[in-house]
Structure formats: C-alpha cells, structure tokens
Amino acid sequence: MTFFLGLGIAGIVLLAFSLIFGGLLEGFLDGVLDGVFDGLLSLPVIAGFLSMLGFCGAIVLGTTGLGTFAATVAGVAAGLVAGWLTWRLSKALMRDQTAATPRGSDLVGTSGSVVTAIPVDGYGEVMLRLGGQPVKYAAKSVTPVARGTEVWVEEALSTTSVAVRPVER
C-alpha cells in the first residue's frame, strides 16, 4: 500500500511542478514527437494518471482482499480515465478564445459626448464607449466644442487622446 500511496503523492507533486513551471518541460521536448500524441504526454495528464493509479490502487488494496495485481489493474483503469479527462479538459480550455482586445484605433468613427469643454488650442475630455465600457479620453478639436456636445472621433492621437469634430445635424 505504501508504494501506491507514494505513486499518488508523486502525481500530486508532479501536478504542482507542472503548474509552477508550466510549459518548461514541453519546451525542452518541443518537436521531439511532432504532435503524435497531441498533448497526451503533457505533465498534467501524466500527473493525473499517476495520482489516480496510486490512490485508487491504495484504496483497492486497503479495502479489499484482492491483492496487488487487482489493485494495479484498478489503478491503471482509473488512471487512464483521469488522464483522458485531463487531456479533454485541457484541450477544451485551450480552444476557448476570447474576442479581440479593443484598441484605441477602434474608436475612429464612433460617437461620444464632451465632458469637459474643448478649447481650440488645448485639450478637453470626451466620454466614449470602448468594448461596451464608457471610457474618458483627452480630446482635441480644430474648433472649440462646448460641454455636452455630441462628437465623432476622427483620429486616435495616442492611447489616451483622440481628435474629434462636432456632429452636424
């Protein structure tokens, strides 16, 4: 039983190692098998297999009188299931993609309102929506623009400032 518990603990240690040094071992072995196993030999999968082999084997050995061979068979079966589930879950998580990160240049052509009046020779502030969230930007205009005026963004001057013009209706 001590051997099986040692395998289970070694699997947990390997899992912690893979979380701390994520991808380090895969980086060393990159291209060795050229994707033959497609993630089946990743550290989390091996750790899941090893942990379930050890702990399930220890449970079978400690609770039944079936012996070491039956405990090993049960542990291998449970380890294969745990490894397969870990592989499937990691593939699903890696496929999960988010939308593109909004950039300042995405603001060109959007409308907003002036929060602080914009003088001809300086900056004011406008409230715009970026990625669905209200964001305040410094704004410059060729004409003076009063507070509360609706404006269009003509250019993103920097990550925090834009060039605007009043909307003509």
N, C-alpha and C. Protein backbone atom coordinates (compact mmCIF):
# COMPACT_ATOMS: atom_id res chain seq x y z
N MET A 1 0.82 -1.19 0.00
CA MET A 1 0.00 0.00 0.00
C MET A 1 0.87 1.26 0.00
N THR A 2 2.02 1.20 0.64
CA THR A 2 2.93 2.34 0.68
C THR A 2 3.40 2.73 -0.72
N PHE A 3 3.62 1.73 -1.55
CA PHE A 3 4.06 2.00 -2.93
C PHE A 3 2.98 2.78 -3.69
N PHE A 4 1.71 2.36 -3.54
CA PHE A 4 0.62 3.04 -4.24
C PHE A 4 0.44 4.47 -3.71
N LEU A 5 0.52 4.65 -2.41
CA LEU A 5 0.42 6.00 -1.85
C LEU A 5 1.58 6.88 -2.33
N GLY A 6 2.76 6.28 -2.44
CA GLY A 6 3.90 7.03 -2.97
C GLY A 6 3.67 7.48 -4.41
N LEU A 7 3.05 6.60 -5.23
CA LEU A 7 2.72 6.99 -6.61
C LEU A 7 1.71 8.13 -6.64
N GLY A 8 0.70 8.03 -5.77
CA GLY A 8 -0.31 9.10 -5.71
C GLY A 8 0.29 10.43 -5.31
N ILE A 9 1.15 10.42 -4.30
CA ILE A 9 1.79 11.65 -3.85
C ILE A 9 2.75 12.17 -4.92
N ALA A 10 3.45 11.28 -5.60
CA ALA A 10 4.34 11.70 -6.69
C ALA A 10 3.54 12.38 -7.80
N GLY A 11 2.34 11.88 -8.08
CA GLY A 11 1.48 12.52 -9.08
C GLY A 11 1.07 13.92 -8.67
N ILE A 12 0.74 14.10 -7.39
CA ILE A 12 0.36 15.43 -6.90
C ILE A 12 1.57 16.38 -6.98
N VAL A 13 2.75 15.89 -6.62
CA VAL A 13 3.96 16.71 -6.70
C VAL A 13 4.23 17.08 -8.16
N LEU A 14 4.05 16.13 -9.07
CA LEU A 14 4.26 16.40 -10.50
C LEU A 14 3.25 17.43 -11.01
N LEU A 15 2.01 17.35 -10.52
CA LEU A 15 1.00 18.33 -10.91
C LEU A 15 1.39 19.72 -10.42
N ALA A 16 1.85 19.81 -9.17
CA ALA A 16 2.30 21.11 -8.65
C ALA A 16 3.49 21.62 -9.46
N PHE A 17 4.40 20.74 -9.81
CA PHE A 17 5.55 21.11 -10.64
C PHE A 17 5.08 21.65 -11.98
N SER A 18 4.08 21.00 -12.58
CA SER A 18 3.60 21.44 -13.89
C SER A 18 2.88 22.78 -13.79
N LEU A 19 2.23 23.07 -12.66
CA LEU A 19 1.56 24.36 -12.51
C LEU A 19 2.57 25.48 -12.27
N ILE A 20 3.63 25.18 -11.53
CA ILE A 20 4.63 26.20 -11.22
C ILE A 20 5.53 26.47 -12.43
N PHE A 21 5.99 25.41 -13.06
CA PHE A 21 6.91 25.54 -14.19
C PHE A 21 6.20 25.20 -15.50
N GLY A 22 4.98 25.70 -15.67
CA GLY A 22 4.15 25.38 -16.82
C GLY A 22 4.85 25.52 -18.15
N GLY A 23 4.88 24.48 -18.90
CA GLY A 23 5.42 24.50 -20.24
C GLY A 23 6.93 24.37 -20.34
N LEU A 24 7.64 24.33 -19.23
CA LEU A 24 9.09 24.25 -19.28
C LEU A 24 9.55 22.93 -19.88
N LEU A 25 8.99 21.83 -19.38
CA LEU A 25 9.36 20.53 -19.91
C LEU A 25 8.89 20.36 -21.36
N GLU A 26 7.68 20.85 -21.65
CA GLU A 26 7.20 20.78 -23.02
C GLU A 26 8.09 21.58 -23.97
N GLY A 27 8.66 22.68 -23.47
CA GLY A 27 9.57 23.48 -24.28
C GLY A 27 10.86 22.74 -24.59
N PHE A 28 11.36 21.96 -23.61
CA PHE A 28 12.56 21.17 -23.85
C PHE A 28 12.31 20.06 -24.85
N LEU A 29 11.11 19.50 -24.81
CA LEU A 29 10.79 18.36 -25.68
C LEU A 29 10.02 18.79 -26.93
N ASP A 30 9.98 20.08 -27.21
CA ASP A 30 9.21 20.59 -28.34
C ASP A 30 9.70 20.00 -29.66
N GLY A 31 8.78 19.40 -30.39
CA GLY A 31 9.10 18.86 -31.70
C GLY A 31 9.70 17.48 -31.69
N VAL A 32 9.90 16.87 -30.51
CA VAL A 32 10.51 15.55 -30.45
C VAL A 32 9.60 14.52 -31.13
N LEU A 33 8.32 14.56 -30.80
CA LEU A 33 7.38 13.60 -31.40
C LEU A 33 6.48 14.25 -32.45
N ASP A 34 6.68 15.53 -32.71
CA ASP A 34 5.92 16.30 -33.72
C ASP A 34 4.41 16.12 -33.61
N GLY A 35 3.88 16.24 -32.40
CA GLY A 35 2.44 16.22 -32.19
C GLY A 35 1.79 14.86 -32.36
N VAL A 36 2.55 13.78 -32.29
CA VAL A 36 1.98 12.44 -32.46
C VAL A 36 0.92 12.19 -31.40
N PHE A 37 1.20 12.57 -30.17
CA PHE A 37 0.25 12.32 -29.10
C PHE A 37 -0.64 13.52 -28.81
N ASP A 38 -0.40 14.65 -29.40
CA ASP A 38 -1.24 15.85 -29.30
C ASP A 38 -1.65 16.17 -27.87
N GLY A 39 -0.68 16.30 -26.98
CA GLY A 39 -0.95 16.68 -25.61
C GLY A 39 -1.17 15.54 -24.65
N LEU A 40 -1.19 14.31 -25.14
CA LEU A 40 -1.41 13.17 -24.25
C LEU A 40 -0.24 12.95 -23.30
N LEU A 41 0.93 13.43 -23.63
CA LEU A 41 2.08 13.28 -22.75
C LEU A 41 2.44 14.58 -22.05
N SER A 42 1.45 15.42 -21.80
CA SER A 42 1.71 16.65 -21.07
C SER A 42 1.82 16.33 -19.58
N LEU A 43 2.46 17.21 -18.84
CA LEU A 43 2.65 16.99 -17.41
C LEU A 43 1.33 16.84 -16.64
N PRO A 44 0.31 17.65 -16.88
CA PRO A 44 -0.94 17.47 -16.14
C PRO A 44 -1.60 16.10 -16.42
N VAL A 45 -1.52 15.63 -17.66
CA VAL A 45 -2.11 14.32 -17.99
C VAL A 45 -1.35 13.20 -17.29
N ILE A 46 -0.04 13.27 -17.33
CA ILE A 46 0.78 12.25 -16.65
C ILE A 46 0.55 12.31 -15.15
N ALA A 47 0.46 13.51 -14.59
CA ALA A 47 0.22 13.66 -13.15
C ALA A 47 -1.14 13.10 -12.76
N GLY A 48 -2.16 13.36 -13.56
CA GLY A 48 -3.49 12.81 -13.28
C GLY A 48 -3.49 11.29 -13.33
N PHE A 49 -2.84 10.73 -14.33
CA PHE A 49 -2.75 9.28 -14.45
C PHE A 49 -2.02 8.69 -13.24
N LEU A 50 -0.89 9.25 -12.91
CA LEU A 50 -0.07 8.72 -11.82
C LEU A 50 -0.78 8.83 -10.47
N SER A 51 -1.44 9.96 -10.22
CA SER A 51 -2.17 10.13 -8.96
C SER A 51 -3.31 9.14 -8.83
N MET A 52 -4.09 9.00 -9.88
CA MET A 52 -5.22 8.06 -9.80
C MET A 52 -4.74 6.62 -9.71
N LEU A 53 -3.67 6.28 -10.40
CA LEU A 53 -3.11 4.94 -10.29
C LEU A 53 -2.73 4.66 -8.85
N GLY A 54 -2.03 5.57 -8.23
CA GLY A 54 -1.57 5.37 -6.86
C GLY A 54 -2.70 5.36 -5.85
N PHE A 55 -3.54 6.36 -5.87
CA PHE A 55 -4.59 6.46 -4.86
C PHE A 55 -5.66 5.39 -5.03
N CYS A 56 -6.07 5.11 -6.26
CA CYS A 56 -7.06 4.06 -6.48
C CYS A 56 -6.47 2.69 -6.12
N GLY A 57 -5.23 2.46 -6.48
CA GLY A 57 -4.58 1.21 -6.10
C GLY A 57 -4.50 1.04 -4.59
N ALA A 58 -4.19 2.13 -3.88
CA ALA A 58 -4.14 2.08 -2.42
C ALA A 58 -5.51 1.81 -1.82
N ILE A 59 -6.55 2.42 -2.38
CA ILE A 59 -7.91 2.19 -1.88
C ILE A 59 -8.33 0.74 -2.10
N VAL A 60 -8.10 0.21 -3.30
CA VAL A 60 -8.47 -1.18 -3.59
C VAL A 60 -7.68 -2.13 -2.71
N LEU A 61 -6.42 -1.89 -2.54
CA LEU A 61 -5.56 -2.76 -1.73
C LEU A 61 -5.96 -2.69 -0.26
N GLY A 62 -6.31 -1.51 0.22
CA GLY A 62 -6.64 -1.35 1.64
C GLY A 62 -8.04 -1.78 2.01
N THR A 63 -9.00 -1.73 1.07
CA THR A 63 -10.39 -2.03 1.42
C THR A 63 -10.84 -3.41 0.99
N THR A 64 -10.11 -4.06 0.12
CA THR A 64 -10.49 -5.40 -0.33
C THR A 64 -9.32 -6.34 -0.11
N GLY A 65 -9.57 -7.59 -0.24
CA GLY A 65 -8.50 -8.57 -0.12
C GLY A 65 -8.10 -9.12 -1.47
N LEU A 66 -8.23 -8.33 -2.54
CA LEU A 66 -7.98 -8.82 -3.89
C LEU A 66 -6.51 -8.94 -4.23
N GLY A 67 -5.65 -8.22 -3.58
CA GLY A 67 -4.22 -8.34 -3.84
C GLY A 67 -3.66 -7.23 -4.70
N THR A 68 -2.35 -7.29 -4.91
CA THR A 68 -1.62 -6.24 -5.60
C THR A 68 -1.97 -6.17 -7.09
N PHE A 69 -2.16 -7.33 -7.73
CA PHE A 69 -2.46 -7.33 -9.16
C PHE A 69 -3.79 -6.64 -9.44
N ALA A 70 -4.83 -6.97 -8.67
CA ALA A 70 -6.14 -6.34 -8.86
C ALA A 70 -6.07 -4.85 -8.55
N ALA A 71 -5.31 -4.47 -7.53
CA ALA A 71 -5.16 -3.06 -7.20
C ALA A 71 -4.47 -2.31 -8.33
N THR A 72 -3.47 -2.95 -8.95
CA THR A 72 -2.76 -2.33 -10.06
C THR A 72 -3.68 -2.16 -11.27
N VAL A 73 -4.47 -3.21 -11.57
CA VAL A 73 -5.40 -3.13 -12.70
C VAL A 73 -6.43 -2.02 -12.48
N ALA A 74 -7.00 -1.97 -11.28
CA ALA A 74 -7.99 -0.93 -10.97
C ALA A 74 -7.35 0.45 -11.02
N GLY A 75 -6.13 0.56 -10.52
CA GLY A 75 -5.43 1.84 -10.54
C GLY A 75 -5.11 2.31 -11.95
N VAL A 76 -4.68 1.37 -12.80
CA VAL A 76 -4.39 1.73 -14.19
C VAL A 76 -5.66 2.17 -14.91
N ALA A 77 -6.77 1.45 -14.67
CA ALA A 77 -8.05 1.83 -15.30
C ALA A 77 -8.47 3.23 -14.85
N ALA A 78 -8.41 3.48 -13.55
CA ALA A 78 -8.78 4.81 -13.05
C ALA A 78 -7.81 5.87 -13.55
N GLY A 79 -6.53 5.53 -13.63
CA GLY A 79 -5.54 6.48 -14.14
C GLY A 79 -5.76 6.83 -15.60
N LEU A 80 -6.14 5.84 -16.41
CA LEU A 80 -6.42 6.12 -17.82
C LEU A 80 -7.62 7.05 -17.96
N VAL A 81 -8.65 6.81 -17.15
CA VAL A 81 -9.83 7.69 -17.20
C VAL A 81 -9.46 9.10 -16.76
N ALA A 82 -8.71 9.22 -15.67
CA ALA A 82 -8.30 10.55 -15.19
C ALA A 82 -7.40 11.26 -16.21
N GLY A 83 -6.48 10.53 -16.80
CA GLY A 83 -5.61 11.12 -17.82
C GLY A 83 -6.38 11.58 -19.04
N TRP A 84 -7.34 10.74 -19.48
CA TRP A 84 -8.14 11.11 -20.65
C TRP A 84 -8.99 12.34 -20.35
N LEU A 85 -9.61 12.38 -19.15
CA LEU A 85 -10.42 13.55 -18.79
C LEU A 85 -9.57 14.81 -18.68
N THR A 86 -8.38 14.69 -18.14
CA THR A 86 -7.47 15.84 -18.05
C THR A 86 -7.09 16.33 -19.44
N TRP A 87 -6.81 15.41 -20.34
CA TRP A 87 -6.47 15.76 -21.71
C TRP A 87 -7.62 16.48 -22.40
N ARG A 88 -8.85 15.94 -22.25
CA ARG A 88 -10.02 16.56 -22.90
C ARG A 88 -10.29 17.95 -22.32
N LEU A 89 -10.19 18.07 -21.00
CA LEU A 89 -10.44 19.36 -20.37
C LEU A 89 -9.39 20.39 -20.80
N SER A 90 -8.14 19.99 -20.85
CA SER A 90 -7.10 20.94 -21.26
C SER A 90 -7.27 21.35 -22.72
N LYS A 91 -7.70 20.42 -23.58
CA LYS A 91 -7.96 20.79 -24.99
C LYS A 91 -9.11 21.78 -25.08
N ALA A 92 -10.16 21.54 -24.29
CA ALA A 92 -11.31 22.44 -24.31
C ALA A 92 -10.92 23.83 -23.80
N LEU A 93 -10.10 23.88 -22.77
CA LEU A 93 -9.67 25.17 -22.25
C LEU A 93 -8.75 25.90 -23.22
N MET A 94 -7.92 25.18 -23.93
CA MET A 94 -7.02 25.81 -24.89
C MET A 94 -7.77 26.34 -26.11
N ARG A 95 -8.90 25.72 -26.45
CA ARG A 95 -9.70 26.19 -27.58
C ARG A 95 -10.52 27.42 -27.24
N ASP A 96 -10.76 27.65 -25.96
CA ASP A 96 -11.60 28.77 -25.53
C ASP A 96 -10.89 30.08 -25.85
N GLN A 97 -11.37 30.79 -26.83
CA GLN A 97 -10.76 32.04 -27.26
C GLN A 97 -11.69 33.20 -26.91
N THR A 98 -11.12 34.29 -26.52
CA THR A 98 -11.90 35.48 -26.23
C THR A 98 -11.91 36.38 -27.46
N ALA A 99 -12.74 37.36 -27.41
CA ALA A 99 -12.79 38.32 -28.51
C ALA A 99 -11.50 39.13 -28.53
N ALA A 100 -11.25 39.76 -29.64
CA ALA A 100 -10.04 40.57 -29.78
C ALA A 100 -10.08 41.73 -28.79
N THR A 101 -8.94 42.07 -28.26
CA THR A 101 -8.84 43.18 -27.33
C THR A 101 -9.07 44.48 -28.06
N PRO A 102 -9.96 45.33 -27.55
CA PRO A 102 -10.20 46.61 -28.24
C PRO A 102 -8.97 47.50 -28.18
N ARG A 103 -8.77 48.24 -29.24
CA ARG A 103 -7.64 49.16 -29.33
C ARG A 103 -8.16 50.57 -29.53
N GLY A 104 -7.28 51.53 -29.32
CA GLY A 104 -7.66 52.92 -29.49
C GLY A 104 -8.10 53.24 -30.91
N SER A 105 -7.50 52.56 -31.88
CA SER A 105 -7.87 52.82 -33.27
C SER A 105 -9.29 52.35 -33.57
N ASP A 106 -9.85 51.49 -32.72
CA ASP A 106 -11.24 51.05 -32.91
C ASP A 106 -12.22 52.18 -32.63
N LEU A 107 -11.75 53.24 -32.02
CA LEU A 107 -12.62 54.37 -31.68
C LEU A 107 -12.93 55.26 -32.89
N VAL A 108 -12.11 55.20 -33.92
CA VAL A 108 -12.30 56.07 -35.08
C VAL A 108 -13.68 55.79 -35.69
N GLY A 109 -14.47 56.86 -35.81
CA GLY A 109 -15.81 56.74 -36.38
C GLY A 109 -16.90 56.54 -35.34
N THR A 110 -16.55 56.45 -34.07
CA THR A 110 -17.57 56.31 -33.03
C THR A 110 -17.97 57.67 -32.51
N SER A 111 -19.10 57.72 -31.87
CA SER A 111 -19.58 58.98 -31.32
C SER A 111 -19.45 58.97 -29.80
N GLY A 112 -19.46 60.16 -29.24
CA GLY A 112 -19.38 60.31 -27.80
C GLY A 112 -19.85 61.70 -27.43
N SER A 113 -19.71 62.04 -26.17
CA SER A 113 -20.13 63.37 -25.75
C SER A 113 -18.99 64.05 -25.00
N VAL A 114 -19.00 65.37 -25.08
CA VAL A 114 -17.95 66.16 -24.44
C VAL A 114 -18.27 66.28 -22.96
N VAL A 115 -17.29 65.95 -22.12
CA VAL A 115 -17.43 66.04 -20.67
C VAL A 115 -16.85 67.35 -20.17
N THR A 116 -15.69 67.72 -20.69
CA THR A 116 -15.04 68.99 -20.37
C THR A 116 -14.85 69.72 -21.70
N ALA A 117 -15.26 70.98 -21.74
CA ALA A 117 -15.20 71.75 -22.99
C ALA A 117 -13.82 71.68 -23.62
N ILE A 118 -13.81 71.63 -24.96
CA ILE A 118 -12.57 71.51 -25.71
C ILE A 118 -12.22 72.87 -26.31
N PRO A 119 -11.11 73.49 -25.86
CA PRO A 119 -10.70 74.77 -26.47
C PRO A 119 -9.96 74.50 -27.78
N VAL A 120 -9.75 75.54 -28.57
CA VAL A 120 -9.08 75.40 -29.85
C VAL A 120 -7.61 75.01 -29.67
N ASP A 121 -6.96 75.58 -28.68
CA ASP A 121 -5.52 75.37 -28.53
C ASP A 121 -5.16 74.38 -27.42
N GLY A 122 -6.09 73.59 -26.95
CA GLY A 122 -5.78 72.66 -25.86
C GLY A 122 -6.65 71.40 -25.92
N TYR A 123 -6.68 70.75 -24.80
CA TYR A 123 -7.43 69.51 -24.70
C TYR A 123 -8.63 69.66 -23.79
N GLY A 124 -9.67 68.92 -24.13
CA GLY A 124 -10.83 68.76 -23.27
C GLY A 124 -11.00 67.27 -23.02
N GLU A 125 -12.17 66.87 -22.56
CA GLU A 125 -12.41 65.45 -22.31
C GLU A 125 -13.72 65.02 -22.95
N VAL A 126 -13.70 63.80 -23.48
CA VAL A 126 -14.90 63.21 -24.06
C VAL A 126 -15.14 61.84 -23.45
N MET A 127 -16.40 61.45 -23.41
CA MET A 127 -16.77 60.13 -22.92
C MET A 127 -17.14 59.29 -24.15
N LEU A 128 -16.39 58.17 -24.32
CA LEU A 128 -16.61 57.27 -25.45
C LEU A 128 -16.89 55.87 -24.91
N ARG A 129 -17.32 55.00 -25.78
CA ARG A 129 -17.52 53.61 -25.41
C ARG A 129 -16.51 52.75 -26.16
N LEU A 130 -15.72 51.98 -25.39
CA LEU A 130 -14.72 51.09 -25.97
C LEU A 130 -14.96 49.70 -25.40
N GLY A 131 -15.30 48.77 -26.26
CA GLY A 131 -15.60 47.41 -25.81
C GLY A 131 -16.85 47.38 -24.94
N GLY A 132 -17.77 48.29 -25.16
CA GLY A 132 -19.00 48.33 -24.39
C GLY A 132 -18.88 49.07 -23.07
N GLN A 133 -17.70 49.55 -22.74
CA GLN A 133 -17.49 50.24 -21.47
C GLN A 133 -17.26 51.73 -21.71
N PRO A 134 -17.84 52.59 -20.86
CA PRO A 134 -17.58 54.03 -21.01
C PRO A 134 -16.15 54.34 -20.58
N VAL A 135 -15.45 55.09 -21.43
CA VAL A 135 -14.05 55.45 -21.16
C VAL A 135 -13.89 56.94 -21.46
N LYS A 136 -13.18 57.63 -20.57
CA LYS A 136 -12.94 59.05 -20.76
C LYS A 136 -11.59 59.24 -21.44
N TYR A 137 -11.57 60.05 -22.51
CA TYR A 137 -10.35 60.33 -23.26
C TYR A 137 -10.11 61.83 -23.31
N ALA A 138 -8.84 62.19 -23.39
CA ALA A 138 -8.49 63.58 -23.68
C ALA A 138 -8.83 63.81 -25.15
N ALA A 139 -9.35 64.97 -25.45
CA ALA A 139 -9.80 65.22 -26.82
C ALA A 139 -9.31 66.58 -27.31
N LYS A 140 -9.01 66.61 -28.60
CA LYS A 140 -8.56 67.82 -29.27
C LYS A 140 -9.48 68.06 -30.46
N SER A 141 -9.71 69.32 -30.80
CA SER A 141 -10.57 69.64 -31.93
C SER A 141 -10.06 70.91 -32.60
N VAL A 142 -10.34 71.05 -33.89
CA VAL A 142 -9.91 72.25 -34.62
C VAL A 142 -10.83 73.43 -34.32
N THR A 143 -12.01 73.15 -33.80
CA THR A 143 -12.95 74.21 -33.40
C THR A 143 -13.27 74.03 -31.92
N PRO A 144 -13.61 75.10 -31.22
CA PRO A 144 -14.00 74.94 -29.81
C PRO A 144 -15.31 74.16 -29.72
N VAL A 145 -15.40 73.26 -28.73
CA VAL A 145 -16.59 72.43 -28.57
C VAL A 145 -17.07 72.56 -27.13
N ALA A 146 -18.35 72.87 -26.99
CA ALA A 146 -18.92 73.07 -25.65
C ALA A 146 -19.23 71.74 -24.97
N ARG A 147 -19.35 71.80 -23.64
CA ARG A 147 -19.67 70.62 -22.84
C ARG A 147 -21.06 70.10 -23.24
N GLY A 148 -21.19 68.77 -23.34
CA GLY A 148 -22.47 68.15 -23.67
C GLY A 148 -22.69 67.95 -25.16
N THR A 149 -21.82 68.48 -26.01
CA THR A 149 -21.96 68.36 -27.46
C THR A 149 -21.60 66.94 -27.90
N GLU A 150 -22.38 66.43 -28.85
CA GLU A 150 -22.06 65.11 -29.41
C GLU A 150 -20.94 65.28 -30.43
N VAL A 151 -19.95 64.37 -30.37
CA VAL A 151 -18.80 64.46 -31.27
C VAL A 151 -18.53 63.11 -31.93
N TRP A 152 -17.80 63.18 -33.06
CA TRP A 152 -17.31 61.99 -33.75
C TRP A 152 -15.80 61.93 -33.59
N VAL A 153 -15.28 60.74 -33.43
CA VAL A 153 -13.84 60.57 -33.33
C VAL A 153 -13.27 60.48 -34.74
N GLU A 154 -12.32 61.35 -35.05
CA GLU A 154 -11.68 61.36 -36.36
C GLU A 154 -10.37 60.60 -36.38
N GLU A 155 -9.65 60.62 -35.23
CA GLU A 155 -8.33 60.02 -35.19
C GLU A 155 -7.96 59.69 -33.74
N ALA A 156 -7.25 58.59 -33.57
CA ALA A 156 -6.69 58.25 -32.26
C ALA A 156 -5.28 58.83 -32.21
N LEU A 157 -5.07 59.89 -31.42
CA LEU A 157 -3.78 60.55 -31.35
C LEU A 157 -2.77 59.75 -30.53
N SER A 158 -3.25 59.13 -29.47
CA SER A 158 -2.41 58.29 -28.62
C SER A 158 -3.33 57.29 -27.92
N THR A 159 -2.80 56.58 -26.95
CA THR A 159 -3.65 55.60 -26.25
C THR A 159 -4.64 56.28 -25.33
N THR A 160 -4.44 57.55 -25.04
CA THR A 160 -5.34 58.26 -24.12
C THR A 160 -5.97 59.52 -24.70
N SER A 161 -5.70 59.82 -25.97
CA SER A 161 -6.26 61.04 -26.56
C SER A 161 -6.75 60.78 -27.98
N VAL A 162 -7.76 61.58 -28.36
CA VAL A 162 -8.37 61.45 -29.68
C VAL A 162 -8.60 62.83 -30.27
N ALA A 163 -8.73 62.87 -31.59
CA ALA A 163 -9.13 64.08 -32.29
C ALA A 163 -10.59 63.91 -32.66
N VAL A 164 -11.41 64.94 -32.36
CA VAL A 164 -12.85 64.84 -32.59
C VAL A 164 -13.35 66.03 -33.40
N ARG A 165 -14.56 65.88 -33.88
CA ARG A 165 -15.25 67.01 -34.51
C ARG A 165 -16.72 66.95 -34.08
N PRO A 166 -17.37 68.11 -33.94
CA PRO A 166 -18.77 68.10 -33.55
C PRO A 166 -19.66 67.45 -34.61
N VAL A 167 -20.70 66.79 -34.16
CA VAL A 167 -21.65 66.17 -35.09
C VAL A 167 -22.58 67.26 -35.60
N GLU A 168 -22.74 67.31 -36.91
CA GLU A 168 -23.61 68.32 -37.53
C GLU A 168 -24.90 67.62 -37.94
N ARG A 169 -25.99 68.14 -37.46
CA ARG A 169 -27.31 67.54 -37.81
C ARG A 169 -28.14 68.50 -38.57
